[in-house]
Amino acid sequence: MWDAINLNKNDELIIVEMIFIDEKGNLMHGTIRRNQVQRFKYKLIEGSLFTIKNFKVVEAIGRYKPVENSLALIFITSTVISNLSEDIVHTPINGFHFIKPAMIDSRVNNDEVLSDVIGCLYGIGGMENPRSTSAKAKTTLWQKLGEKFALYLDNKDAGPYIVIVTSTTVKNFRGEVIFFTTYASKIYVNLDIDHLRSLVQKFTAMSIEVQVLESSNVNSIPIEEELLLNQMDIKELFESM
């Protein structure tokens, strides 16, 4: 959950946004408009389980969508939130949409959907893509995210660190692809889940030699359709290595 603010008006709050995940791992973007923030925001706690009734479902349009879903949820006056016991249903805490490296080119300067990035970092330096160990890309962490990650750089442990950065934009700067964080971004380092623990073990024994990632061929189908066809979750990413 994060605040969308207006930097041109003294960080005035615009809306509160969040990502919901259900027991099947489906992700959906949710929004609380400014006039409803005081009523709902403090009833929602990240990582907790809820039922939500009487909400509005709209088509997900515009730029900077944090998840690949054609629909979005909006809180309205009649919306009701109820807490659930965690043993009622098993719901994962985290959910990500990773795009295959071959699709990176199609995301450059395309802000329709934000990108979740996963990579391996050895100490201070660039992140290697776990799916293709010959790839290297830069990720720029703005403001508080940079401060949070700096704590890992003070650690004498050389890694490897499996780093996940969510909701990034992809830009081309002087011929180099760079991922930039946004107000919606979160950062996770060596997240304690099975597949990432295995990745840490795998990269511990691997060479850190880095080469340039080859560009992909662009298919003739629309970008949005191709992105949906090529999205991966953590399990699929790990199994494809």
C-alpha atoms as a PDB file:
ATOM      1  CA  MET A   1       0.000   0.000   0.000  1.00  0.00           C
ATOM      2  CA  TRP A   2       1.365   3.468  -0.866  1.00  0.00           C
ATOM      3  CA  ASP A   3       0.363   7.120  -1.143  1.00  0.00           C
ATOM      4  CA  ALA A   4       0.168   8.834  -4.523  1.00  0.00           C
ATOM      5  CA  ILE A   5       1.127  12.460  -3.913  1.00  0.00           C
ATOM      6  CA  ASN A   6       1.288  15.665  -5.926  1.00  0.00           C
ATOM      7  CA  LEU A   7       4.885  16.888  -5.827  1.00  0.00           C
ATOM      8  CA  ASN A   8       3.837  20.229  -7.297  1.00  0.00           C
ATOM      9  CA  LYS A   9       1.436  20.961  -4.426  1.00  0.00           C
ATOM     10  CA  ASN A  10       3.558  20.373  -1.308  1.00  0.00           C
ATOM     11  CA  ASP A  11       3.170  16.571  -1.455  1.00  0.00           C
ATOM     12  CA  GLU A  12      -0.615  16.840  -1.338  1.00  0.00           C
ATOM     13  CA  LEU A  13      -2.277  13.425  -1.181  1.00  0.00           C
ATOM     14  CA  ILE A  14      -4.023  12.398  -4.390  1.00  0.00           C
ATOM     15  CA  ILE A  15      -5.129   8.824  -3.632  1.00  0.00           C
ATOM     16  CA  VAL A  16      -4.029   5.779  -1.647  1.00  0.00           C
ATOM     17  CA  GLU A  17      -3.211   2.745  -3.767  1.00  0.00           C
ATOM     18  CA  MET A  18      -2.587  -0.921  -3.000  1.00  0.00           C
ATOM     19  CA  ILE A  19      -2.269  -4.376  -4.529  1.00  0.00           C
ATOM     20  CA  PHE A  20      -4.548  -7.197  -3.386  1.00  0.00           C
ATOM     21  CA  ILE A  21      -3.647 -10.869  -3.675  1.00  0.00           C
ATOM     22  CA  ASP A  22      -6.084 -13.764  -3.287  1.00  0.00           C
ATOM     23  CA  GLU A  23      -5.563 -17.415  -2.340  1.00  0.00           C
ATOM     24  CA  LYS A  24      -4.815 -18.291  -5.983  1.00  0.00           C
ATOM     25  CA  GLY A  25      -2.100 -15.647  -6.275  1.00  0.00           C
ATOM     26  CA  ASN A  26      -4.169 -13.316  -8.489  1.00  0.00           C
ATOM     27  CA  LEU A  27      -3.172  -9.653  -8.198  1.00  0.00           C
ATOM     28  CA  MET A  28      -5.513  -6.670  -8.425  1.00  0.00           C
ATOM     29  CA  HIS A  29      -4.919  -2.934  -8.117  1.00  0.00           C
ATOM     30  CA  GLY A  30      -7.032  -1.146  -5.502  1.00  0.00           C
ATOM     31  CA  THR A  31      -7.614   2.572  -4.918  1.00  0.00           C
ATOM     32  CA  ILE A  32      -8.961   4.700  -2.065  1.00  0.00           C
ATOM     33  CA  ARG A  33      -9.916   8.177  -3.240  1.00  0.00           C
ATOM     34  CA  ARG A  34      -8.892  11.128  -1.114  1.00  0.00           C
ATOM     35  CA  ASN A  35     -12.348  11.730   0.338  1.00  0.00           C
ATOM     36  CA  GLN A  36     -12.457   8.134   1.618  1.00  0.00           C
ATOM     37  CA  VAL A  37      -8.896   7.836   2.959  1.00  0.00           C
ATOM     38  CA  GLN A  38      -9.629   8.597   6.614  1.00  0.00           C
ATOM     39  CA  ARG A  39     -12.395   6.016   6.661  1.00  0.00           C
ATOM     40  CA  PHE A  40     -10.490   3.075   5.149  1.00  0.00           C
ATOM     41  CA  LYS A  41      -6.723   3.510   5.110  1.00  0.00           C
ATOM     42  CA  TYR A  42      -6.049   2.719   8.741  1.00  0.00           C
ATOM     43  CA  LYS A  43      -8.255  -0.369   8.693  1.00  0.00           C
ATOM     44  CA  LEU A  44      -5.983  -1.961   6.110  1.00  0.00           C
ATOM     45  CA  ILE A  45      -2.675  -3.449   7.249  1.00  0.00           C
ATOM     46  CA  GLU A  46      -0.150  -4.918   4.824  1.00  0.00           C
ATOM     47  CA  GLY A  47       0.111  -8.685   5.151  1.00  0.00           C
ATOM     48  CA  SER A  48      -3.256  -9.092   6.892  1.00  0.00           C
ATOM     49  CA  LEU A  49      -6.294 -10.990   5.610  1.00  0.00           C
ATOM     50  CA  PHE A  50      -9.613  -9.261   4.857  1.00  0.00           C
ATOM     51  CA  THR A  51     -12.951  -9.652   3.175  1.00  0.00           C
ATOM     52  CA  ILE A  52     -14.058  -6.567   1.241  1.00  0.00           C
ATOM     53  CA  LYS A  53     -17.657  -6.064   0.135  1.00  0.00           C
ATOM     54  CA  ASN A  54     -19.584  -3.479  -1.865  1.00  0.00           C
ATOM     55  CA  PHE A  55     -16.675  -2.116  -3.854  1.00  0.00           C
ATOM     56  CA  LYS A  56     -16.671  -0.734  -7.374  1.00  0.00           C
ATOM     57  CA  VAL A  57     -14.920  -2.576 -10.230  1.00  0.00           C
ATOM     58  CA  VAL A  58     -13.661  -0.475 -13.130  1.00  0.00           C
ATOM     59  CA  GLU A  59     -11.578  -0.979 -16.229  1.00  0.00           C
ATOM     60  CA  ALA A  60      -7.881  -0.458 -15.526  1.00  0.00           C
ATOM     61  CA  ILE A  61      -6.891   2.408 -17.814  1.00  0.00           C
ATOM     62  CA  GLY A  62      -4.183   5.028 -17.966  1.00  0.00           C
ATOM     63  CA  ARG A  63      -0.455   4.814 -17.300  1.00  0.00           C
ATOM     64  CA  TYR A  64       1.672   3.364 -14.515  1.00  0.00           C
ATOM     65  CA  LYS A  65      -0.529   0.371 -13.713  1.00  0.00           C
ATOM     66  CA  PRO A  66       1.258  -1.637 -10.973  1.00  0.00           C
ATOM     67  CA  VAL A  67      -0.130  -5.038 -12.074  1.00  0.00           C
ATOM     68  CA  GLU A  68      -1.183  -6.624 -15.336  1.00  0.00           C
ATOM     69  CA  ASN A  69      -4.922  -6.867 -14.789  1.00  0.00           C
ATOM     70  CA  SER A  70      -7.664  -5.433 -17.003  1.00  0.00           C
ATOM     71  CA  LEU A  71      -9.761  -4.526 -13.934  1.00  0.00           C
ATOM     72  CA  ALA A  72      -9.212  -2.452 -10.806  1.00  0.00           C
ATOM     73  CA  LEU A  73     -11.039  -2.043  -7.490  1.00  0.00           C
ATOM     74  CA  ILE A  74     -12.212   1.279  -6.019  1.00  0.00           C
ATOM     75  CA  PHE A  75     -13.457   1.829  -2.462  1.00  0.00           C
ATOM     76  CA  ILE A  76     -16.786   3.663  -2.225  1.00  0.00           C
ATOM     77  CA  THR A  77     -18.979   4.950   0.608  1.00  0.00           C
ATOM     78  CA  SER A  78     -20.792   1.617   1.064  1.00  0.00           C
ATOM     79  CA  THR A  79     -17.613  -0.535   1.060  1.00  0.00           C
ATOM     80  CA  VAL A  80     -17.272  -2.790   4.107  1.00  0.00           C
ATOM     81  CA  ILE A  81     -13.978  -4.270   5.364  1.00  0.00           C
ATOM     82  CA  SER A  82     -13.805  -7.209   7.772  1.00  0.00           C
ATOM     83  CA  ASN A  83     -10.736  -8.864   9.264  1.00  0.00           C
ATOM     84  CA  LEU A  84     -10.298 -12.608   8.851  1.00  0.00           C
ATOM     85  CA  SER A  85      -8.366 -15.108  10.910  1.00  0.00           C
ATOM     86  CA  GLU A  86      -5.236 -16.207   9.055  1.00  0.00           C
ATOM     87  CA  ASP A  87      -6.182 -19.886   9.321  1.00  0.00           C
ATOM     88  CA  ILE A  88      -9.415 -19.408   7.347  1.00  0.00           C
ATOM     89  CA  VAL A  89      -7.685 -19.604   3.977  1.00  0.00           C
ATOM     90  CA  HIS A  90      -4.075 -19.818   2.852  1.00  0.00           C
ATOM     91  CA  THR A  91      -3.169 -16.623   1.000  1.00  0.00           C
ATOM     92  CA  PRO A  92       0.406 -15.852  -0.110  1.00  0.00           C
ATOM     93  CA  ILE A  93       1.954 -12.702   1.318  1.00  0.00           C
ATOM     94  CA  ASN A  94       3.780 -11.718  -1.864  1.00  0.00           C
ATOM     95  CA  GLY A  95       2.978 -11.816  -5.558  1.00  0.00           C
ATOM     96  CA  PHE A  96       5.043 -10.583  -8.498  1.00  0.00           C
ATOM     97  CA  HIS A  97       4.778 -10.297 -12.287  1.00  0.00           C
ATOM     98  CA  PHE A  98       8.226 -10.736 -13.813  1.00  0.00           C
ATOM     99  CA  ILE A  99       8.726 -10.159 -17.524  1.00  0.00           C
ATOM    100  CA  LYS A 100      11.058 -12.377 -19.524  1.00  0.00           C
ATOM    101  CA  PRO A 101      14.363 -10.701 -20.455  1.00  0.00           C
ATOM    102  CA  ALA A 102      13.401 -10.966 -24.134  1.00  0.00           C
ATOM    103  CA  MET A 103      10.541  -8.523 -23.449  1.00  0.00           C
ATOM    104  CA  ILE A 104      12.638  -5.784 -21.832  1.00  0.00           C
ATOM    105  CA  ASP A 105      13.020  -3.857 -25.085  1.00  0.00           C
ATOM    106  CA  SER A 106       9.234  -3.512 -25.433  1.00  0.00           C
ATOM    107  CA  ARG A 107       9.021  -1.918 -21.956  1.00  0.00           C
ATOM    108  CA  VAL A 108      11.582   0.804 -22.638  1.00  0.00           C
ATOM    109  CA  ASN A 109       9.838   4.204 -22.346  1.00  0.00           C
ATOM    110  CA  ASN A 110       6.487   2.379 -22.230  1.00  0.00           C
ATOM    111  CA  ASP A 111       4.790   3.360 -18.952  1.00  0.00           C
ATOM    112  CA  GLU A 112       1.474   1.563 -19.493  1.00  0.00           C
ATOM    113  CA  VAL A 113       2.397  -1.144 -16.952  1.00  0.00           C
ATOM    114  CA  LEU A 114       5.139  -0.944 -14.328  1.00  0.00           C
ATOM    115  CA  SER A 115       7.737  -3.728 -14.227  1.00  0.00           C
ATOM    116  CA  ASP A 116       8.790  -6.038 -11.390  1.00  0.00           C
ATOM    117  CA  VAL A 117      12.538  -6.736 -11.584  1.00  0.00           C
ATOM    118  CA  ILE A 118      14.499  -9.600 -10.062  1.00  0.00           C
ATOM    119  CA  GLY A 119      18.258  -9.908 -10.130  1.00  0.00           C
ATOM    120  CA  CYS A 120      21.362 -11.117  -8.340  1.00  0.00           C
ATOM    121  CA  LEU A 121      23.777  -8.677  -6.744  1.00  0.00           C
ATOM    122  CA  TYR A 122      27.283  -9.456  -5.519  1.00  0.00           C
ATOM    123  CA  GLY A 123      28.337  -6.728  -3.111  1.00  0.00           C
ATOM    124  CA  ILE A 124      28.375  -3.274  -4.737  1.00  0.00           C
ATOM    125  CA  GLY A 125      27.674  -3.317  -8.480  1.00  0.00           C
ATOM    126  CA  GLY A 126      25.062  -4.068 -11.103  1.00  0.00           C
ATOM    127  CA  MET A 127      22.338  -6.679 -10.851  1.00  0.00           C
ATOM    128  CA  GLU A 128      22.573  -9.853 -12.900  1.00  0.00           C
ATOM    129  CA  ASN A 129      19.350 -11.313 -14.251  1.00  0.00           C
ATOM    130  CA  PRO A 130      18.819 -14.803 -12.691  1.00  0.00           C
ATOM    131  CA  ARG A 131      17.261 -16.195 -15.841  1.00  0.00           C
ATOM    132  CA  SER A 132      20.236 -15.337 -18.047  1.00  0.00           C
ATOM    133  CA  THR A 133      23.474 -14.988 -16.090  1.00  0.00           C
ATOM    134  CA  SER A 134      25.045 -13.149 -19.037  1.00  0.00           C
ATOM    135  CA  ALA A 135      22.727 -10.177 -18.518  1.00  0.00           C
ATOM    136  CA  LYS A 136      23.447  -7.043 -16.547  1.00  0.00           C
ATOM    137  CA  ALA A 137      21.167  -4.077 -15.956  1.00  0.00           C
ATOM    138  CA  LYS A 138      21.241  -1.040 -13.697  1.00  0.00           C
ATOM    139  CA  THR A 139      18.489  -0.251 -11.226  1.00  0.00           C
ATOM    140  CA  THR A 140      18.182   3.215  -9.706  1.00  0.00           C
ATOM    141  CA  LEU A 141      16.643   3.317  -6.222  1.00  0.00           C
ATOM    142  CA  TRP A 142      15.231   6.752  -5.420  1.00  0.00           C
ATOM    143  CA  GLN A 143      14.962   8.358  -1.960  1.00  0.00           C
ATOM    144  CA  LYS A 144      13.930   6.053   0.891  1.00  0.00           C
ATOM    145  CA  LEU A 145      14.415   2.872  -1.151  1.00  0.00           C
ATOM    146  CA  GLY A 146      18.046   3.811  -1.728  1.00  0.00           C
ATOM    147  CA  GLU A 147      18.516   4.488   1.981  1.00  0.00           C
ATOM    148  CA  LYS A 148      16.965   1.146   2.854  1.00  0.00           C
ATOM    149  CA  PHE A 149      19.175  -0.781   0.459  1.00  0.00           C
ATOM    150  CA  ALA A 150      22.323   1.079   1.597  1.00  0.00           C
ATOM    151  CA  LEU A 151      22.177  -0.928   4.831  1.00  0.00           C
ATOM    152  CA  TYR A 152      23.043  -4.071   2.853  1.00  0.00           C
ATOM    153  CA  LEU A 153      26.078  -2.376   1.273  1.00  0.00           C
ATOM    154  CA  ASP A 154      27.539  -1.739   4.735  1.00  0.00           C
ATOM    155  CA  ASN A 155      27.482  -5.475   5.366  1.00  0.00           C
ATOM    156  CA  LYS A 156      30.845  -7.176   4.861  1.00  0.00           C
ATOM    157  CA  ASP A 157      29.038 -10.172   3.354  1.00  0.00           C
ATOM    158  CA  ALA A 158      29.744 -10.157  -0.408  1.00  0.00           C
ATOM    159  CA  GLY A 159      26.421 -11.813  -1.193  1.00  0.00           C
ATOM    160  CA  PRO A 160      24.888 -13.009  -3.318  1.00  0.00           C
ATOM    161  CA  TYR A 161      21.735 -10.971  -2.751  1.00  0.00           C
ATOM    162  CA  ILE A 162      18.599 -11.881  -4.699  1.00  0.00           C
ATOM    163  CA  VAL A 163      16.951  -8.489  -5.080  1.00  0.00           C
ATOM    164  CA  ILE A 164      13.349  -7.845  -6.132  1.00  0.00           C
ATOM    165  CA  VAL A 165      12.285  -4.305  -6.986  1.00  0.00           C
ATOM    166  CA  THR A 166       8.614  -3.839  -7.850  1.00  0.00           C
ATOM    167  CA  SER A 167       6.779  -1.267  -9.978  1.00  0.00           C
ATOM    168  CA  THR A 168       9.709   0.168 -11.919  1.00  0.00           C
ATOM    169  CA  THR A 169       9.784   2.143 -15.148  1.00  0.00           C
ATOM    170  CA  VAL A 170      12.227   1.120 -17.884  1.00  0.00           C
ATOM    171  CA  LYS A 171      14.270   3.824 -19.596  1.00  0.00           C
ATOM    172  CA  ASN A 172      17.082   3.991 -22.126  1.00  0.00           C
ATOM    173  CA  PHE A 173      19.855   6.360 -21.075  1.00  0.00           C
ATOM    174  CA  ARG A 174      22.835   6.771 -23.402  1.00  0.00           C
ATOM    175  CA  GLY A 175      22.181   3.411 -24.973  1.00  0.00           C
ATOM    176  CA  GLU A 176      21.856   1.611 -21.627  1.00  0.00           C
ATOM    177  CA  VAL A 177      18.671   0.102 -20.184  1.00  0.00           C
ATOM    178  CA  ILE A 178      17.992   1.322 -16.634  1.00  0.00           C
ATOM    179  CA  PHE A 179      15.132   0.459 -14.258  1.00  0.00           C
ATOM    180  CA  PHE A 180      13.886   3.358 -12.113  1.00  0.00           C
ATOM    181  CA  THR A 181      11.790   3.025  -8.978  1.00  0.00           C
ATOM    182  CA  THR A 182       8.478   4.849  -8.598  1.00  0.00           C
ATOM    183  CA  TYR A 183       6.315   5.907  -5.647  1.00  0.00           C
ATOM    184  CA  ALA A 184       4.711   2.433  -5.872  1.00  0.00           C
ATOM    185  CA  SER A 185       8.003   0.501  -5.682  1.00  0.00           C
ATOM    186  CA  LYS A 186       8.949  -1.895  -2.914  1.00  0.00           C
ATOM    187  CA  ILE A 187      12.291  -3.650  -2.450  1.00  0.00           C
ATOM    188  CA  TYR A 188      12.888  -7.182  -1.165  1.00  0.00           C
ATOM    189  CA  VAL A 189      16.343  -8.669  -0.493  1.00  0.00           C
ATOM    190  CA  ASN A 190      16.728 -12.452  -0.150  1.00  0.00           C
ATOM    191  CA  LEU A 191      13.022 -12.874   0.485  1.00  0.00           C
ATOM    192  CA  ASP A 192      12.521 -15.935   2.660  1.00  0.00           C
ATOM    193  CA  ILE A 193      10.603 -18.171   0.255  1.00  0.00           C
ATOM    194  CA  ASP A 194      11.618 -21.546  -1.160  1.00  0.00           C
ATOM    195  CA  HIS A 195      12.503 -20.573  -4.725  1.00  0.00           C
ATOM    196  CA  LEU A 196      14.577 -17.564  -3.721  1.00  0.00           C
ATOM    197  CA  ARG A 197      16.483 -19.533  -1.097  1.00  0.00           C
ATOM    198  CA  SER A 198      17.403 -21.965  -3.869  1.00  0.00           C
ATOM    199  CA  LEU A 199      18.513 -19.088  -6.109  1.00  0.00           C
ATOM    200  CA  VAL A 200      20.841 -17.795  -3.379  1.00  0.00           C
ATOM    201  CA  GLN A 201      22.453 -21.235  -3.146  1.00  0.00           C
ATOM    202  CA  LYS A 202      22.765 -21.471  -6.933  1.00  0.00           C
ATOM    203  CA  PHE A 203      24.373 -18.047  -7.368  1.00  0.00           C
ATOM    204  CA  THR A 204      26.763 -18.647  -4.472  1.00  0.00           C
ATOM    205  CA  ALA A 205      28.518 -21.243  -6.641  1.00  0.00           C
ATOM    206  CA  MET A 206      28.328 -19.323  -9.943  1.00  0.00           C
ATOM    207  CA  SER A 207      30.791 -17.085 -11.740  1.00  0.00           C
ATOM    208  CA  ILE A 208      29.955 -13.385 -11.686  1.00  0.00           C
ATOM    209  CA  GLU A 209      31.333 -12.675 -15.174  1.00  0.00           C
ATOM    210  CA  VAL A 210      28.973 -10.272 -16.910  1.00  0.00           C
ATOM    211  CA  GLN A 211      28.228  -9.886 -20.617  1.00  0.00           C
ATOM    212  CA  VAL A 212      25.774  -7.737 -22.566  1.00  0.00           C
ATOM    213  CA  LEU A 213      22.186  -8.980 -22.955  1.00  0.00           C
ATOM    214  CA  GLU A 214      21.234  -9.355 -26.612  1.00  0.00           C
ATOM    215  CA  SER A 215      18.210  -7.430 -27.858  1.00  0.00           C
ATOM    216  CA  SER A 216      15.038  -9.346 -28.692  1.00  0.00           C
ATOM    217  CA  ASN A 217      13.065  -9.379 -31.917  1.00  0.00           C
ATOM    218  CA  VAL A 218       9.750  -7.508 -31.649  1.00  0.00           C
ATOM    219  CA  ASN A 219       6.740  -9.597 -32.620  1.00  0.00           C
ATOM    220  CA  SER A 220       3.927  -8.296 -34.812  1.00  0.00           C
ATOM    221  CA  ILE A 221       1.241  -8.654 -32.119  1.00  0.00           C
ATOM    222  CA  PRO A 222       0.317  -5.663 -29.883  1.00  0.00           C
ATOM    223  CA  ILE A 223       2.709  -4.954 -26.994  1.00  0.00           C
ATOM    224  CA  GLU A 224       0.033  -5.426 -24.310  1.00  0.00           C
ATOM    225  CA  GLU A 225      -0.869  -8.879 -25.664  1.00  0.00           C
ATOM    226  CA  GLU A 226       2.754  -9.934 -25.907  1.00  0.00           C
ATOM    227  CA  LEU A 227       3.469  -8.824 -22.325  1.00  0.00           C
ATOM    228  CA  LEU A 228       0.603 -10.890 -20.980  1.00  0.00           C
ATOM    229  CA  LEU A 229       1.793 -13.929 -22.942  1.00  0.00           C
ATOM    230  CA  ASN A 230       5.315 -13.607 -21.527  1.00  0.00           C
ATOM    231  CA  GLN A 231       4.783 -12.822 -17.847  1.00  0.00           C
ATOM    232  CA  MET A 232       6.332 -15.176 -15.286  1.00  0.00           C
ATOM    233  CA  ASP A 233       6.006 -15.713 -11.582  1.00  0.00           C
ATOM    234  CA  ILE A 234       8.920 -16.684  -9.281  1.00  0.00           C
ATOM    235  CA  LYS A 235       8.331 -20.421  -9.676  1.00  0.00           C
ATOM    236  CA  GLU A 236       8.308 -20.268 -13.486  1.00  0.00           C
ATOM    237  CA  LEU A 237      11.406 -18.079 -13.474  1.00  0.00           C
ATOM    238  CA  PHE A 238      13.284 -20.525 -11.264  1.00  0.00           C
ATOM    239  CA  GLU A 239      12.212 -23.599 -13.248  1.00  0.00           C
ATOM    240  CA  SER A 240      13.304 -22.024 -16.548  1.00  0.00           C
ATOM    241  CA  MET A 241      16.917 -21.634 -15.426  1.00  0.00           C
END
